[in-house]
Structures are given as C-alpha cells and as structure tokens.
Amino acid sequence: MVSFVVFPGGRIFVDDKPAGQDVTSLMRLAAGKHVVRIENRFLGTTTVEVDLVAGQMGDVTIEW
C-alpha cells in the first residue's frame, strides 16, 4: 500500500492509469517495477520507473 506524492505537482498516472492530482490515494500495487507519469501543464511531462518491494507501505515522493 503506497501513495505517490509529486513535486512539483501534476496529474499522476500509474502504469498508464489515472491515479490522482499532486498526490494519490493509497494504492495496492504488486512488488516490482511500475511506471509513474506526471503531466504538468506548465512544465510538461516526465516519466519515472519505481521499484516497489514486497510489503512496502507509505508515501513515495517523486521530485522532478
């Protein structure tokens, strides 16, 4: 169970699915690699690959 927090903010997509704006609610994701895309209307788009471990919980902060 993780939540993604992005700074600067933007629309968040996890594995190509809409997940929130600036921060996501708690998400149950499998361990392993996931693709997080952030779209900010002023700064553009960035994509980050995160590698979650089994049992990981809490916030995952992405600064770009």
C-alpha atoms as a PDB file:
ATOM      1  CA  MET A   1       0.000   0.000   0.000  1.00  0.00           C
ATOM      2  CA  VAL A   2       1.716   3.150  -1.224  1.00  0.00           C
ATOM      3  CA  SER A   3       0.754   6.703  -2.089  1.00  0.00           C
ATOM      4  CA  PHE A   4       2.660   8.776  -4.649  1.00  0.00           C
ATOM      5  CA  VAL A   5       3.417  12.419  -3.861  1.00  0.00           C
ATOM      6  CA  VAL A   6       4.884  14.527  -6.677  1.00  0.00           C
ATOM      7  CA  PHE A   7       6.663  17.874  -6.571  1.00  0.00           C
ATOM      8  CA  PRO A   8       6.090  19.979  -8.489  1.00  0.00           C
ATOM      9  CA  GLY A   9       2.586  18.648  -8.779  1.00  0.00           C
ATOM     10  CA  GLY A  10       0.575  17.481 -11.725  1.00  0.00           C
ATOM     11  CA  ARG A  11      -1.725  14.754 -12.955  1.00  0.00           C
ATOM     12  CA  ILE A  12      -0.381  11.348 -11.925  1.00  0.00           C
ATOM     13  CA  PHE A  13      -0.707   8.148 -13.938  1.00  0.00           C
ATOM     14  CA  VAL A  14       0.495   4.792 -12.607  1.00  0.00           C
ATOM     15  CA  ASP A  15       1.014   2.083 -15.209  1.00  0.00           C
ATOM     16  CA  ASP A  16      -0.949   4.272 -17.694  1.00  0.00           C
ATOM     17  CA  LYS A  17      -3.988   4.552 -15.402  1.00  0.00           C
ATOM     18  CA  PRO A  18      -5.105   7.901 -13.917  1.00  0.00           C
ATOM     19  CA  ALA A  19      -4.228   7.928 -10.224  1.00  0.00           C
ATOM     20  CA  GLY A  20      -4.657  11.467  -8.922  1.00  0.00           C
ATOM     21  CA  GLN A  21      -3.593  15.092  -8.902  1.00  0.00           C
ATOM     22  CA  ASP A  22      -0.414  16.020  -6.940  1.00  0.00           C
ATOM     23  CA  VAL A  23      -0.899  13.028  -4.628  1.00  0.00           C
ATOM     24  CA  THR A  24      -2.619   9.673  -4.994  1.00  0.00           C
ATOM     25  CA  SER A  25      -4.770   7.859  -2.516  1.00  0.00           C
ATOM     26  CA  LEU A  26      -3.353   4.648  -1.068  1.00  0.00           C
ATOM     27  CA  MET A  27      -2.826   2.135  -3.834  1.00  0.00           C
ATOM     28  CA  ARG A  28      -2.320  -1.604  -3.539  1.00  0.00           C
ATOM     29  CA  LEU A  29       0.417  -2.405  -6.050  1.00  0.00           C
ATOM     30  CA  ALA A  30       2.383  -5.604  -6.582  1.00  0.00           C
ATOM     31  CA  ALA A  31       6.078  -5.658  -5.766  1.00  0.00           C
ATOM     32  CA  GLY A  32       8.260  -4.843  -8.739  1.00  0.00           C
ATOM     33  CA  LYS A  33       8.606  -2.096 -11.303  1.00  0.00           C
ATOM     34  CA  HIS A  34       5.863   0.423 -12.038  1.00  0.00           C
ATOM     35  CA  VAL A  35       5.838   3.402 -14.393  1.00  0.00           C
ATOM     36  CA  VAL A  36       4.685   6.730 -12.944  1.00  0.00           C
ATOM     37  CA  ARG A  37       3.953   9.566 -15.390  1.00  0.00           C
ATOM     38  CA  ILE A  38       3.389  13.130 -14.234  1.00  0.00           C
ATOM     39  CA  GLU A  39       1.789  15.726 -16.504  1.00  0.00           C
ATOM     40  CA  ASN A  40       2.134  19.381 -15.513  1.00  0.00           C
ATOM     41  CA  ARG A  41       0.562  21.929 -17.848  1.00  0.00           C
ATOM     42  CA  PHE A  42       3.421  24.396 -17.294  1.00  0.00           C
ATOM     43  CA  LEU A  43       6.433  22.066 -17.049  1.00  0.00           C
ATOM     44  CA  GLY A  44       5.484  19.267 -19.419  1.00  0.00           C
ATOM     45  CA  THR A  45       5.587  15.547 -18.771  1.00  0.00           C
ATOM     46  CA  THR A  46       8.047  13.273 -17.028  1.00  0.00           C
ATOM     47  CA  THR A  47       8.108   9.512 -16.544  1.00  0.00           C
ATOM     48  CA  VAL A  48       9.737   7.723 -13.629  1.00  0.00           C
ATOM     49  CA  GLU A  49      10.140   3.999 -13.034  1.00  0.00           C
ATOM     50  CA  VAL A  50       9.791   2.953  -9.398  1.00  0.00           C
ATOM     51  CA  ASP A  51      10.714  -0.427  -7.972  1.00  0.00           C
ATOM     52  CA  LEU A  52       8.498  -1.396  -5.040  1.00  0.00           C
ATOM     53  CA  VAL A  53       9.489  -4.089  -2.572  1.00  0.00           C
ATOM     54  CA  ALA A  54       7.137  -6.649  -1.053  1.00  0.00           C
ATOM     55  CA  GLY A  55       5.322  -5.209   1.959  1.00  0.00           C
ATOM     56  CA  GLN A  56       6.297  -1.605   1.179  1.00  0.00           C
ATOM     57  CA  MET A  57       3.956   0.913   2.760  1.00  0.00           C
ATOM     58  CA  GLY A  58       3.709   4.701   2.956  1.00  0.00           C
ATOM     59  CA  ASP A  59       4.462   7.639   0.710  1.00  0.00           C
ATOM     60  CA  VAL A  60       6.736   7.510  -2.316  1.00  0.00           C
ATOM     61  CA  THR A  61       7.918  11.044  -3.106  1.00  0.00           C
ATOM     62  CA  ILE A  62       8.886  11.930  -6.656  1.00  0.00           C
ATOM     63  CA  GLU A  63      10.686  15.243  -7.203  1.00  0.00           C
ATOM     64  CA  TRP A  64      11.337  16.237 -10.774  1.00  0.00           C
END
